């Protein structure tokens, strides 16, 4: 989904930008990509959810994407930081919280602290 927004760039001129899905929520007040991401959360009866992700540290850009594969969709999180002292894990939680429009405190890595395959618990 694309959303257009106008930004002032000085002297009364405006710049019309086409925003991709990752910046869509911030620009238009709706979380289109967050809604797509929520479809991959496995919810339990007590209101907690679990999300399986594959992390790529030292990537060229911070991003969350969903890959369609023959085994089923895979949520991939690319982070630019190295996996040292939990820095990559903190960045993963920060990115997912932003995409899901949740506070960082609502997300906890419950499995895979030192692995690329992670299970993240989501409250709410």
PDB file of N, CA and C in Angstrom:
ATOM      1  N   UNK A   1       0.840  -1.168   0.000  1.00  0.00           N
ATOM      2  CA  UNK A   1       0.000   0.000   0.000  1.00  0.00           C
ATOM      3  C   UNK A   1       0.886   1.232   0.000  1.00  0.00           C
ATOM      4  N   UNK A   2       0.550   2.168  -0.800  1.00  0.00           N
ATOM      5  CA  UNK A   2       1.292   3.414  -0.892  1.00  0.00           C
ATOM      6  C   UNK A   2       0.462   4.538  -0.287  1.00  0.00           C
ATOM      7  N   UNK A   3       1.128   5.488   0.280  1.00  0.00           N
ATOM      8  CA  UNK A   3       0.474   6.659   0.829  1.00  0.00           C
ATOM      9  C   UNK A   3       1.281   7.864   0.396  1.00  0.00           C
ATOM     10  N   UNK A   4       0.617   8.889  -0.033  1.00  0.00           N
ATOM     11  CA  UNK A   4       1.354  10.087  -0.432  1.00  0.00           C
ATOM     12  C   UNK A   4       1.209  11.134   0.656  1.00  0.00           C
ATOM     13  N   UNK A   5       2.228  11.890   0.850  1.00  0.00           N
ATOM     14  CA  UNK A   5       2.218  12.966   1.827  1.00  0.00           C
ATOM     15  C   UNK A   5       2.947  14.160   1.241  1.00  0.00           C
ATOM     16  N   UNK A   6       2.596  15.318   1.695  1.00  0.00           N
ATOM     17  CA  UNK A   6       3.256  16.525   1.209  1.00  0.00           C
ATOM     18  C   UNK A   6       4.099  17.096   2.345  1.00  0.00           C
ATOM     19  N   UNK A   7       5.320  17.486   2.011  1.00  0.00           N
ATOM     20  CA  UNK A   7       6.221  18.079   2.994  1.00  0.00           C
ATOM     21  C   UNK A   7       6.713  19.417   2.464  1.00  0.00           C
ATOM     22  N   UNK A   8       6.825  20.377   3.350  1.00  0.00           N
ATOM     23  CA  UNK A   8       7.364  21.667   2.963  1.00  0.00           C
ATOM     24  C   UNK A   8       8.877  21.574   2.843  1.00  0.00           C
ATOM     25  N   UNK A   9       9.424  22.097   1.749  1.00  0.00           N
ATOM     26  CA  UNK A   9      10.879  22.079   1.574  1.00  0.00           C
ATOM     27  C   UNK A   9      11.445  23.484   1.449  1.00  0.00           C
ATOM     28  N   UNK A  10      10.681  24.484   1.824  1.00  0.00           N
ATOM     29  CA  UNK A  10      11.175  25.860   1.837  1.00  0.00           C
ATOM     30  C   UNK A  10      10.552  26.716   0.759  1.00  0.00           C
ATOM     31  N   UNK A  11      10.401  28.013   1.061  1.00  0.00           N
ATOM     32  CA  UNK A  11       9.878  29.017   0.137  1.00  0.00           C
ATOM     33  C   UNK A  11       8.535  28.618  -0.481  1.00  0.00           C
ATOM     34  N   UNK A  12       7.696  27.983   0.312  1.00  0.00           N
ATOM     35  CA  UNK A  12       6.363  27.649  -0.157  1.00  0.00           C
ATOM     36  C   UNK A  12       6.272  26.448  -1.075  1.00  0.00           C
ATOM     37  N   UNK A  13       7.398  25.839  -1.419  1.00  0.00           N
ATOM     38  CA  UNK A  13       7.363  24.658  -2.287  1.00  0.00           C
ATOM     39  C   UNK A  13       7.054  23.418  -1.455  1.00  0.00           C
ATOM     40  N   UNK A  14       6.395  22.483  -2.053  1.00  0.00           N
ATOM     41  CA  UNK A  14       6.115  21.223  -1.367  1.00  0.00           C
ATOM     42  C   UNK A  14       6.696  20.075  -2.170  1.00  0.00           C
ATOM     43  N   UNK A  15       6.983  19.017  -1.459  1.00  0.00           N
ATOM     44  CA  UNK A  15       7.533  17.810  -2.065  1.00  0.00           C
ATOM     45  C   UNK A  15       6.567  16.682  -1.775  1.00  0.00           C
ATOM     46  N   UNK A  16       6.060  16.032  -2.800  1.00  0.00           N
ATOM     47  CA  UNK A  16       5.139  14.921  -2.632  1.00  0.00           C
ATOM     48  C   UNK A  16       5.945  13.635  -2.652  1.00  0.00           C
ATOM     49  N   UNK A  17       5.856  12.871  -1.570  1.00  0.00           N
ATOM     50  CA  UNK A  17       6.649  11.649  -1.446  1.00  0.00           C
ATOM     51  C   UNK A  17       5.739  10.436  -1.413  1.00  0.00           C
ATOM     52  N   UNK A  18       6.145   9.401  -2.093  1.00  0.00           N
ATOM     53  CA  UNK A  18       5.459   8.112  -2.000  1.00  0.00           C
ATOM     54  C   UNK A  18       6.169   7.321  -0.906  1.00  0.00           C
ATOM     55  N   UNK A  19       5.428   6.905   0.083  1.00  0.00           N
ATOM     56  CA  UNK A  19       6.012   6.212   1.217  1.00  0.00           C
ATOM     57  C   UNK A  19       5.792   4.722   1.080  1.00  0.00           C
ATOM     58  N   UNK A  20       6.796   3.949   1.459  1.00  0.00           N
ATOM     59  CA  UNK A  20       6.634   2.499   1.423  1.00  0.00           C
ATOM     60  C   UNK A  20       5.892   2.032   2.668  1.00  0.00           C
ATOM     61  N   UNK A  21       5.644   0.748   2.779  1.00  0.00           N
ATOM     62  CA  UNK A  21       4.820   0.234   3.869  1.00  0.00           C
ATOM     63  C   UNK A  21       5.449   0.441   5.237  1.00  0.00           C
ATOM     64  N   UNK A  22       6.779   0.494   5.351  1.00  0.00           N
ATOM     65  CA  UNK A  22       7.401   0.651   6.660  1.00  0.00           C
ATOM     66  C   UNK A  22       7.190   2.046   7.218  1.00  0.00           C
ATOM     67  N   UNK A  23       7.095   3.056   6.380  1.00  0.00           N
ATOM     68  CA  UNK A  23       6.859   4.406   6.876  1.00  0.00           C
ATOM     69  C   UNK A  23       5.392   4.805   6.758  1.00  0.00           C
ATOM     70  N   UNK A  24       4.575   3.909   6.261  1.00  0.00           N
ATOM     71  CA  UNK A  24       3.158   4.183   6.065  1.00  0.00           C
ATOM     72  C   UNK A  24       2.457   4.479   7.380  1.00  0.00           C
ATOM     73  N   UNK A  25       2.744   3.717   8.425  1.00  0.00           N
ATOM     74  CA  UNK A  25       2.060   3.898   9.704  1.00  0.00           C
ATOM     75  C   UNK A  25       2.344   5.268  10.298  1.00  0.00           C
ATOM     76  N   UNK A  26       3.576   5.719  10.197  1.00  0.00           N
ATOM     77  CA  UNK A  26       3.926   7.011  10.768  1.00  0.00           C
ATOM     78  C   UNK A  26       3.321   8.154   9.966  1.00  0.00           C
ATOM     79  N   UNK A  27       3.208   8.015   8.665  1.00  0.00           N
ATOM     80  CA  UNK A  27       2.741   9.103   7.820  1.00  0.00           C
ATOM     81  C   UNK A  27       1.223   9.201   7.783  1.00  0.00           C
ATOM     82  N   UNK A  28       0.544   8.098   7.738  1.00  0.00           N
ATOM     83  CA  UNK A  28      -0.902   8.110   7.529  1.00  0.00           C
ATOM     84  C   UNK A  28      -1.693   7.714   8.760  1.00  0.00           C
ATOM     85  N   UNK A  29      -1.019   7.390   9.849  1.00  0.00           N
ATOM     86  CA  UNK A  29      -1.727   7.055  11.068  1.00  0.00           C
ATOM     87  C   UNK A  29      -2.328   5.665  11.076  1.00  0.00           C
ATOM     88  N   UNK A  30      -1.996   4.838  10.094  1.00  0.00           N
ATOM     89  CA  UNK A  30      -2.481   3.466  10.051  1.00  0.00           C
ATOM     90  C   UNK A  30      -1.301   2.546   9.895  1.00  0.00           C
ATOM     91  N   UNK A  31      -1.414   1.346  10.420  1.00  0.00           N
ATOM     92  CA  UNK A  31      -0.316   0.402  10.347  1.00  0.00           C
ATOM     93  C   UNK A  31      -0.584  -0.719   9.364  1.00  0.00           C
ATOM     94  N   UNK A  32      -0.491  -0.443   8.071  1.00  0.00           N
ATOM     95  CA  UNK A  32      -0.762  -1.470   7.073  1.00  0.00           C
ATOM     96  C   UNK A  32       0.206  -2.636   7.212  1.00  0.00           C
ATOM     97  N   UNK A  33       1.513  -2.354   7.279  1.00  0.00           N
ATOM     98  CA  UNK A  33       2.474  -3.436   7.402  1.00  0.00           C
ATOM     99  C   UNK A  33       2.344  -4.113   8.765  1.00  0.00           C
ATOM    100  N   UNK A  34       2.038  -3.334   9.789  1.00  0.00           N
ATOM    101  CA  UNK A  34       1.813  -3.912  11.112  1.00  0.00           C
ATOM    102  C   UNK A  34       0.655  -4.887  11.106  1.00  0.00           C
ATOM    103  N   UNK A  35      -0.388  -4.578  10.322  1.00  0.00           N
ATOM    104  CA  UNK A  35      -1.529  -5.493  10.195  1.00  0.00           C
ATOM    105  C   UNK A  35      -1.099  -6.786   9.513  1.00  0.00           C
ATOM    106  N   UNK A  36      -0.269  -6.659   8.471  1.00  0.00           N
ATOM    107  CA  UNK A  36       0.235  -7.861   7.791  1.00  0.00           C
ATOM    108  C   UNK A  36       1.093  -8.687   8.743  1.00  0.00           C
ATOM    109  N   UNK A  37       1.893  -8.001   9.554  1.00  0.00           N
ATOM    110  CA  UNK A  37       2.766  -8.686  10.502  1.00  0.00           C
ATOM    111  C   UNK A  37       1.956  -9.383  11.585  1.00  0.00           C
ATOM    112  N   UNK A  38       0.863  -8.761  12.012  1.00  0.00           N
ATOM    113  CA  UNK A  38       0.013  -9.356  13.050  1.00  0.00           C
ATOM    114  C   UNK A  38      -0.605 -10.681  12.598  1.00  0.00           C
ATOM    115  N   UNK A  39      -0.783 -10.857  11.296  1.00  0.00           N
ATOM    116  CA  UNK A  39      -1.341 -12.111  10.799  1.00  0.00           C
ATOM    117  C   UNK A  39      -0.423 -13.301  11.078  1.00  0.00           C
ATOM    118  N   UNK A  40       0.851 -13.052  11.308  1.00  0.00           N
ATOM    119  CA  UNK A  40       1.818 -14.126  11.539  1.00  0.00           C
ATOM    120  C   UNK A  40       2.048 -14.404  13.024  1.00  0.00           C
ATOM    121  N   UNK A  41       1.347 -13.690  13.886  1.00  0.00           N
ATOM    122  CA  UNK A  41       1.464 -13.914  15.331  1.00  0.00           C
ATOM    123  C   UNK A  41       0.534 -15.043  15.721  1.00  0.00           C
ATOM    124  N   UNK A  42       1.048 -15.979  16.511  1.00  0.00           N
ATOM    125  CA  UNK A  42       0.243 -17.087  17.027  1.00  0.00           C
ATOM    126  C   UNK A  42      -0.261 -16.675  18.408  1.00  0.00           C
ATOM    127  N   UNK A  43      -1.564 -16.385  18.502  1.00  0.00           N
ATOM    128  CA  UNK A  43      -2.149 -15.881  19.741  1.00  0.00           C
ATOM    129  C   UNK A  43      -2.612 -17.029  20.624  1.00  0.00           C
ATOM    130  N   UNK A  44      -2.447 -16.852  21.935  1.00  0.00           N
ATOM    131  CA  UNK A  44      -2.939 -17.816  22.924  1.00  0.00           C
ATOM    132  C   UNK A  44      -4.197 -17.248  23.575  1.00  0.00           C
ATOM    133  N   UNK A  45      -4.865 -18.073  24.370  1.00  0.00           N
ATOM    134  CA  UNK A  45      -6.106 -17.656  25.023  1.00  0.00           C
ATOM    135  C   UNK A  45      -5.892 -16.561  26.059  1.00  0.00           C
ATOM    136  N   UNK A  46      -4.703 -16.496  26.664  1.00  0.00           N
ATOM    137  CA  UNK A  46      -4.458 -15.501  27.716  1.00  0.00           C
ATOM    138  C   UNK A  46      -4.066 -14.123  27.162  1.00  0.00           C
ATOM    139  N   UNK A  47      -4.083 -13.959  25.844  1.00  0.00           N
ATOM    140  CA  UNK A  47      -3.798 -12.660  25.249  1.00  0.00           C
ATOM    141  C   UNK A  47      -2.346 -12.441  24.847  1.00  0.00           C
ATOM    142  N   UNK A  48      -1.496 -13.421  25.087  1.00  0.00           N
ATOM    143  CA  UNK A  48      -0.107 -13.292  24.647  1.00  0.00           C
ATOM    144  C   UNK A  48       0.048 -13.940  23.273  1.00  0.00           C
ATOM    145  N   UNK A  49       0.974 -13.429  22.527  1.00  0.00           N
ATOM    146  CA  UNK A  49       1.229 -13.972  21.206  1.00  0.00           C
ATOM    147  C   UNK A  49       2.693 -14.297  21.028  1.00  0.00           C
ATOM    148  N   UNK A  50       2.981 -15.144  20.044  1.00  0.00           N
ATOM    149  CA  UNK A  50       4.352 -15.531  19.747  1.00  0.00           C
ATOM    150  C   UNK A  50       4.603 -15.334  18.263  1.00  0.00           C
ATOM    151  N   UNK A  51       5.757 -14.766  17.966  1.00  0.00           N
ATOM    152  CA  UNK A  51       6.139 -14.490  16.592  1.00  0.00           C
ATOM    153  C   UNK A  51       7.506 -15.111  16.335  1.00  0.00           C
ATOM    154  N   UNK A  52       7.583 -15.945  15.304  1.00  0.00           N
ATOM    155  CA  UNK A  52       8.851 -16.558  14.897  1.00  0.00           C
ATOM    156  C   UNK A  52       9.507 -15.655  13.863  1.00  0.00           C
ATOM    157  N   UNK A  53      10.763 -15.271  14.100  1.00  0.00           N
ATOM    158  CA  UNK A  53      11.473 -14.406  13.155  1.00  0.00           C
ATOM    159  C   UNK A  53      12.864 -14.973  12.885  1.00  0.00           C
ATOM    160  N   UNK A  54      13.422 -14.589  11.760  1.00  0.00           N
ATOM    161  CA  UNK A  54      14.808 -14.896  11.415  1.00  0.00           C
ATOM    162  C   UNK A  54      15.529 -13.567  11.283  1.00  0.00           C
ATOM    163  N   UNK A  55      16.620 -13.411  12.029  1.00  0.00           N
ATOM    164  CA  UNK A  55      17.342 -12.152  12.119  1.00  0.00           C
ATOM    165  C   UNK A  55      18.600 -12.205  11.268  1.00  0.00           C
ATOM    166  N   UNK A  56      18.862 -11.112  10.545  1.00  0.00           N
ATOM    167  CA  UNK A  56      20.100 -10.960   9.791  1.00  0.00           C
ATOM    168  C   UNK A  56      20.854  -9.766  10.365  1.00  0.00           C
ATOM    169  N   UNK A  57      21.883 -10.017  11.188  1.00  0.00           N
ATOM    170  CA  UNK A  57      22.667  -8.905  11.722  1.00  0.00           C
ATOM    171  C   UNK A  57      23.646  -8.374  10.678  1.00  0.00           C
ATOM    172  N   UNK A  58      24.144  -7.170  10.917  1.00  0.00           N
ATOM    173  CA  UNK A  58      25.109  -6.502  10.035  1.00  0.00           C
ATOM    174  C   UNK A  58      24.567  -6.367   8.614  1.00  0.00           C
ATOM    175  N   UNK A  59      23.278  -6.076   8.494  1.00  0.00           N
ATOM    176  CA  UNK A  59      22.647  -5.869   7.191  1.00  0.00           C
ATOM    177  C   UNK A  59      22.898  -4.431   6.731  1.00  0.00           C
ATOM    178  N   UNK A  60      22.533  -4.138   5.506  1.00  0.00           N
ATOM    179  CA  UNK A  60      22.752  -2.793   4.974  1.00  0.00           C
ATOM    180  C   UNK A  60      21.708  -1.796   5.472  1.00  0.00           C
ATOM    181  N   UNK A  61      20.549  -2.277   5.938  1.00  0.00           N
ATOM    182  CA  UNK A  61      19.490  -1.382   6.417  1.00  0.00           C
ATOM    183  C   UNK A  61      18.654  -2.097   7.469  1.00  0.00           C
ATOM    184  N   UNK A  62      18.049  -1.315   8.361  1.00  0.00           N
ATOM    185  CA  UNK A  62      17.117  -1.862   9.342  1.00  0.00           C
ATOM    186  C   UNK A  62      15.763  -2.002   8.671  1.00  0.00           C
ATOM    187  N   UNK A  63      15.213  -3.211   8.657  1.00  0.00           N
ATOM    188  CA  UNK A  63      13.909  -3.417   8.032  1.00  0.00           C
ATOM    189  C   UNK A  63      13.283  -4.725   8.512  1.00  0.00           C
ATOM    190  N   UNK A  64      11.971  -4.772   8.389  1.00  0.00           N
ATOM    191  CA  UNK A  64      11.199  -5.978   8.670  1.00  0.00           C
ATOM    192  C   UNK A  64      10.520  -6.340   7.370  1.00  0.00           C
ATOM    193  N   UNK A  65      10.614  -7.604   6.971  1.00  0.00           N
ATOM    194  CA  UNK A  65       9.983  -8.031   5.729  1.00  0.00           C
ATOM    195  C   UNK A  65       9.416  -9.425   5.894  1.00  0.00           C
ATOM    196  N   UNK A  66       8.489  -9.749   5.034  1.00  0.00           N
ATOM    197  CA  UNK A  66       7.859 -11.067   5.056  1.00  0.00           C
ATOM    198  C   UNK A  66       8.171 -11.738   3.732  1.00  0.00           C
ATOM    199  N   UNK A  67       8.824 -12.880   3.808  1.00  0.00           N
ATOM    200  CA  UNK A  67       9.169 -13.639   2.608  1.00  0.00           C
ATOM    201  C   UNK A  67       8.187 -14.782   2.432  1.00  0.00           C
ATOM    202  N   UNK A  68       7.670 -14.901   1.251  1.00  0.00           N
ATOM    203  CA  UNK A  68       6.798 -16.029   0.926  1.00  0.00           C
ATOM    204  C   UNK A  68       7.680 -17.174   0.452  1.00  0.00           C
ATOM    205  N   UNK A  69       7.556 -18.313   1.125  1.00  0.00           N
ATOM    206  CA  UNK A  69       8.338 -19.491   0.768  1.00  0.00           C
ATOM    207  C   UNK A  69       7.407 -20.677   0.609  1.00  0.00           C
ATOM    208  N   UNK A  70       7.926 -21.757   0.047  1.00  0.00           N
ATOM    209  CA  UNK A  70       7.083 -22.936  -0.173  1.00  0.00           C
ATOM    210  C   UNK A  70       6.629 -23.554   1.155  1.00  0.00           C
ATOM    211  N   UNK A  71       7.442 -23.436   2.207  1.00  0.00           N
ATOM    212  CA  UNK A  71       7.073 -23.975   3.526  1.00  0.00           C
ATOM    213  C   UNK A  71       6.095 -23.079   4.259  1.00  0.00           C
ATOM    214  N   UNK A  72       5.941 -21.866   3.767  1.00  0.00           N
ATOM    215  CA  UNK A  72       5.082 -20.884   4.422  1.00  0.00           C
ATOM    216  C   UNK A  72       5.826 -19.568   4.561  1.00  0.00           C
ATOM    217  N   UNK A  73       5.129 -18.523   4.961  1.00  0.00           N
ATOM    218  CA  UNK A  73       5.779 -17.214   5.063  1.00  0.00           C
ATOM    219  C   UNK A  73       6.801 -17.183   6.197  1.00  0.00           C
ATOM    220  N   UNK A  74       7.821 -16.362   6.011  1.00  0.00           N
ATOM    221  CA  UNK A  74       8.890 -16.202   6.991  1.00  0.00           C
ATOM    222  C   UNK A  74       9.064 -14.725   7.270  1.00  0.00           C
ATOM    223  N   UNK A  75       9.003 -14.351   8.548  1.00  0.00           N
ATOM    224  CA  UNK A  75       9.235 -12.969   8.947  1.00  0.00           C
ATOM    225  C   UNK A  75      10.736 -12.809   9.149  1.00  0.00           C
ATOM    226  N   UNK A  76      11.320 -11.875   8.389  1.00  0.00           N
ATOM    227  CA  UNK A  76      12.758 -11.608   8.471  1.00  0.00           C
ATOM    228  C   UNK A  76      12.966 -10.207   9.018  1.00  0.00           C
ATOM    229  N   UNK A  77      13.921 -10.083   9.932  1.00  0.00           N
ATOM    230  CA  UNK A  77      14.277  -8.795  10.514  1.00  0.00           C
ATOM    231  C   UNK A  77      15.746  -8.559  10.218  1.00  0.00           C
ATOM    232  N   UNK A  78      16.048  -7.510   9.464  1.00  0.00           N
ATOM    233  CA  UNK A  78      17.421  -7.142   9.150  1.00  0.00           C
ATOM    234  C   UNK A  78      17.817  -5.972  10.040  1.00  0.00           C
ATOM    235  N   UNK A  79      18.959  -6.097  10.715  1.00  0.00           N
ATOM    236  CA  UNK A  79      19.460  -5.018  11.575  1.00  0.00           C
ATOM    237  C   UNK A  79      20.890  -4.696  11.177  1.00  0.00           C
ATOM    238  N   UNK A  80      21.267  -3.442  11.327  1.00  0.00           N
ATOM    239  CA  UNK A  80      22.590  -3.002  10.899  1.00  0.00           C
ATOM    240  C   UNK A  80      23.660  -3.244  11.956  1.00  0.00           C
ATOM    241  N   UNK A  81      23.281  -3.474  13.196  1.00  0.00           N
ATOM    242  CA  UNK A  81      24.265  -3.641  14.262  1.00  0.00           C
ATOM    243  C   UNK A  81      24.779  -5.076  14.309  1.00  0.00           C
ATOM    244  N   UNK A  82      25.966  -5.225  14.886  1.00  0.00           N
ATOM    245  CA  UNK A  82      26.572  -6.547  15.035  1.00  0.00           C
ATOM    246  C   UNK A  82      25.953  -7.264  16.234  1.00  0.00           C
ATOM    247  N   UNK A  83      25.961  -8.593  16.212  1.00  0.00           N
ATOM    248  CA  UNK A  83      25.376  -9.345  17.331  1.00  0.00           C
ATOM    249  C   UNK A  83      26.321  -9.426  18.527  1.00  0.00           C
ATOM    250  N   UNK A  84      26.629  -8.288  19.114  1.00  0.00           N
ATOM    251  CA  UNK A  84      27.531  -8.231  20.268  1.00  0.00           C
ATOM    252  C   UNK A  84      26.795  -7.655  21.461  1.00  0.00           C
ATOM    253  N   UNK A  85      26.914  -8.298  22.591  1.00  0.00           N
ATOM    254  CA  UNK A  85      26.354  -7.814  23.856  1.00  0.00           C
ATOM    255  C   UNK A  85      24.855  -7.530  23.776  1.00  0.00           C
ATOM    256  N   UNK A  86      24.127  -8.249  22.955  1.00  0.00           N
ATOM    257  CA  UNK A  86      22.681  -8.085  22.850  1.00  0.00           C
ATOM    258  C   UNK A  86      22.222  -6.869  22.066  1.00  0.00           C
ATOM    259  N   UNK A  87      23.142  -6.191  21.388  1.00  0.00           N
ATOM    260  CA  UNK A  87      22.761  -4.987  20.623  1.00  0.00           C
ATOM    261  C   UNK A  87      21.793  -5.329  19.497  1.00  0.00           C
ATOM    262  N   UNK A  88      22.030  -6.417  18.794  1.00  0.00           N
ATOM    263  CA  UNK A  88      21.138  -6.811  17.703  1.00  0.00           C
ATOM    264  C   UNK A  88      19.760  -7.181  18.246  1.00  0.00           C
ATOM    265  N   UNK A  89      19.706  -7.860  19.386  1.00  0.00           N
ATOM    266  CA  UNK A  89      18.418  -8.221  19.978  1.00  0.00           C
ATOM    267  C   UNK A  89      17.618  -6.977  20.343  1.00  0.00           C
ATOM    268  N   UNK A  90      18.286  -5.976  20.895  1.00  0.00           N
ATOM    269  CA  UNK A  90      17.593  -4.729  21.248  1.00  0.00           C
ATOM    270  C   UNK A  90      17.048  -4.045  20.006  1.00  0.00           C
ATOM    271  N   UNK A  91      17.805  -4.083  18.930  1.00  0.00           N
ATOM    272  CA  UNK A  91      17.361  -3.459  17.682  1.00  0.00           C
ATOM    273  C   UNK A  91      16.175  -4.218  17.086  1.00  0.00           C
ATOM    274  N   UNK A  92      16.180  -5.539  17.199  1.00  0.00           N
ATOM    275  CA  UNK A  92      15.059  -6.352  16.710  1.00  0.00           C
ATOM    276  C   UNK A  92      13.780  -5.978  17.455  1.00  0.00           C
ATOM    277  N   UNK A  93      13.860  -5.895  18.772  1.00  0.00           N
ATOM    278  CA  UNK A  93      12.689  -5.537  19.580  1.00  0.00           C
ATOM    279  C   UNK A  93      12.211  -4.130  19.217  1.00  0.00           C
ATOM    280  N   UNK A  94      13.141  -3.210  19.032  1.00  0.00           N
ATOM    281  CA  UNK A  94      12.781  -1.833  18.682  1.00  0.00           C
ATOM    282  C   UNK A  94      12.060  -1.765  17.336  1.00  0.00           C
ATOM    283  N   UNK A  95      12.579  -2.465  16.334  1.00  0.00           N
ATOM    284  CA  UNK A  95      11.955  -2.450  15.005  1.00  0.00           C
ATOM    285  C   UNK A  95      10.568  -3.078  15.017  1.00  0.00           C
ATOM    286  N   UNK A  96      10.447  -4.240  15.671  1.00  0.00           N
ATOM    287  CA  UNK A  96       9.143  -4.911  15.712  1.00  0.00           C
ATOM    288  C   UNK A  96       8.121  -4.098  16.491  1.00  0.00           C
ATOM    289  N   UNK A  97       8.550  -3.478  17.576  1.00  0.00           N
ATOM    290  CA  UNK A  97       7.633  -2.652  18.368  1.00  0.00           C
ATOM    291  C   UNK A  97       7.129  -1.477  17.536  1.00  0.00           C
ATOM    292  N   UNK A  98       8.008  -0.877  16.749  1.00  0.00           N
ATOM    293  CA  UNK A  98       7.601   0.243  15.905  1.00  0.00           C
ATOM    294  C   UNK A  98       6.617  -0.221  14.834  1.00  0.00           C
ATOM    295  N   UNK A  99       6.878  -1.351  14.191  1.00  0.00           N
ATOM    296  CA  UNK A  99       5.989  -1.836  13.131  1.00  0.00           C
ATOM    297  C   UNK A  99       4.628  -2.263  13.671  1.00  0.00           C
ATOM    298  N   UNK A 100       4.603  -2.804  14.893  1.00  0.00           N
ATOM    299  CA  UNK A 100       3.350  -3.269  15.487  1.00  0.00           C
ATOM    300  C   UNK A 100       2.643  -2.181  16.284  1.00  0.00           C
ATOM    301  N   UNK A 101       3.255  -1.006  16.389  1.00  0.00           N
ATOM    302  CA  UNK A 101       2.707   0.119  17.166  1.00  0.00           C
ATOM    303  C   UNK A 101       2.472  -0.277  18.614  1.00  0.00           C
ATOM    304  N   UNK A 102       3.470  -0.929  19.200  1.00  0.00           N
ATOM    305  CA  UNK A 102       3.427  -1.348  20.593  1.00  0.00           C
ATOM    306  C   UNK A 102       4.644  -0.776  21.308  1.00  0.00           C
ATOM    307  N   UNK A 103       4.578  -0.656  22.645  1.00  0.00           N
ATOM    308  CA  UNK A 103       5.780  -0.248  23.375  1.00  0.00           C
ATOM    309  C   UNK A 103       6.816  -1.372  23.371  1.00  0.00           C
ATOM    310  N   UNK A 104       8.083  -0.997  23.465  1.00  0.00           N
ATOM    311  CA  UNK A 104       9.148  -2.011  23.468  1.00  0.00           C
ATOM    312  C   UNK A 104       8.997  -2.977  24.634  1.00  0.00           C
ATOM    313  N   UNK A 105       8.413  -2.504  25.735  1.00  0.00           N
ATOM    314  CA  UNK A 105       8.259  -3.355  26.917  1.00  0.00           C
ATOM    315  C   UNK A 105       7.255  -4.486  26.685  1.00  0.00           C
ATOM    316  N   UNK A 106       6.445  -4.409  25.637  1.00  0.00           N
ATOM    317  CA  UNK A 106       5.456  -5.451  25.340  1.00  0.00           C
ATOM    318  C   UNK A 106       6.074  -6.631  24.596  1.00  0.00           C
ATOM    319  N   UNK A 107       7.320  -6.491  24.136  1.00  0.00           N
ATOM    320  CA  UNK A 107       7.981  -7.554  23.381  1.00  0.00           C
ATOM    321  C   UNK A 107       9.169  -8.100  24.166  1.00  0.00           C
ATOM    322  N   UNK A 108       9.264  -9.423  24.216  1.00  0.00           N
ATOM    323  CA  UNK A 108      10.355 -10.082  24.924  1.00  0.00           C
ATOM    324  C   UNK A 108      10.834 -11.259  24.077  1.00  0.00           C
ATOM    325  N   UNK A 109      12.144 -11.378  23.917  1.00  0.00           N
ATOM    326  CA  UNK A 109      12.696 -12.541  23.214  1.00  0.00           C
ATOM    327  C   UNK A 109      12.735 -13.693  24.207  1.00  0.00           C
ATOM    328  N   UNK A 110      11.943 -14.737  23.945  1.00  0.00           N
ATOM    329  CA  UNK A 110      11.855 -15.865  24.873  1.00  0.00           C
ATOM    330  C   UNK A 110      12.698 -17.055  24.437  1.00  0.00           C
ATOM    331  N   UNK A 111      13.071 -17.100  23.172  1.00  0.00           N
ATOM    332  CA  UNK A 111      13.891 -18.203  22.677  1.00  0.00           C
ATOM    333  C   UNK A 111      14.806 -17.672  21.578  1.00  0.00           C
ATOM    334  N   UNK A 112      16.073 -18.081  21.620  1.00  0.00           N
ATOM    335  CA  UNK A 112      17.002 -17.711  20.571  1.00  0.00           C
ATOM    336  C   UNK A 112      17.815 -16.469  20.866  1.00  0.00           C
ATOM    337  N   UNK A 113      18.183 -16.255  22.115  1.00  0.00           N
ATOM    338  CA  UNK A 113      18.982 -15.076  22.474  1.00  0.00           C
ATOM    339  C   UNK A 113      20.276 -14.989  21.678  1.00  0.00           C
ATOM    340  N   UNK A 114      20.892 -16.127  21.395  1.00  0.00           N
ATOM    341  CA  UNK A 114      22.168 -16.133  20.667  1.00  0.00           C
ATOM    342  C   UNK A 114      22.040 -16.770  19.293  1.00  0.00           C
ATOM    343  N   UNK A 115      20.814 -16.957  18.829  1.00  0.00           N
ATOM    344  CA  UNK A 115      20.573 -17.604  17.545  1.00  0.00           C
ATOM    345  C   UNK A 115      19.934 -16.619  16.576  1.00  0.00           C
ATOM    346  N   UNK A 116      20.008 -16.919  15.295  1.00  0.00           N
ATOM    347  CA  UNK A 116      19.339 -16.096  14.289  1.00  0.00           C
ATOM    348  C   UNK A 116      17.832 -16.359  14.267  1.00  0.00           C
ATOM    349  N   UNK A 117      17.430 -17.556  14.645  1.00  0.00           N
ATOM    350  CA  UNK A 117      16.007 -17.909  14.741  1.00  0.00           C
ATOM    351  C   UNK A 117      15.537 -17.532  16.129  1.00  0.00           C
ATOM    352  N   UNK A 118      14.541 -16.652  16.223  1.00  0.00           N
ATOM    353  CA  UNK A 118      14.076 -16.162  17.508  1.00  0.00           C
ATOM    354  C   UNK A 118      12.570 -16.320  17.641  1.00  0.00           C
ATOM    355  N   UNK A 119      12.123 -16.521  18.868  1.00  0.00           N
ATOM    356  CA  UNK A 119      10.719 -16.512  19.204  1.00  0.00           C
ATOM    357  C   UNK A 119      10.483 -15.326  20.123  1.00  0.00           C
ATOM    358  N   UNK A 120       9.555 -14.470  19.739  1.00  0.00           N
ATOM    359  CA  UNK A 120       9.298 -13.252  20.480  1.00  0.00           C
ATOM    360  C   UNK A 120       7.897 -13.308  21.056  1.00  0.00           C
ATOM    361  N   UNK A 121       7.803 -13.064  22.369  1.00  0.00           N
ATOM    362  CA  UNK A 121       6.524 -13.028  23.059  1.00  0.00           C
ATOM    363  C   UNK A 121       5.986 -11.603  22.983  1.00  0.00           C
ATOM    364  N   UNK A 122       4.679 -11.494  22.716  1.00  0.00           N
ATOM    365  CA  UNK A 122       4.040 -10.192  22.553  1.00  0.00           C
ATOM    366  C   UNK A 122       2.854 -10.108  23.516  1.00  0.00           C
ATOM    367  N   UNK A 123       2.848  -9.069  24.317  1.00  0.00           N
ATOM    368  CA  UNK A 123       1.740  -8.807  25.247  1.00  0.00           C
ATOM    369  C   UNK A 123       0.795  -7.812  24.617  1.00  0.00           C
ATOM    370  N   UNK A 124      -0.440  -8.205  24.399  1.00  0.00           N
ATOM    371  CA  UNK A 124      -1.458  -7.273  23.913  1.00  0.00           C
ATOM    372  C   UNK A 124      -1.557  -7.248  22.470  1.00  0.00           C
TER     373      UNK A 124
END
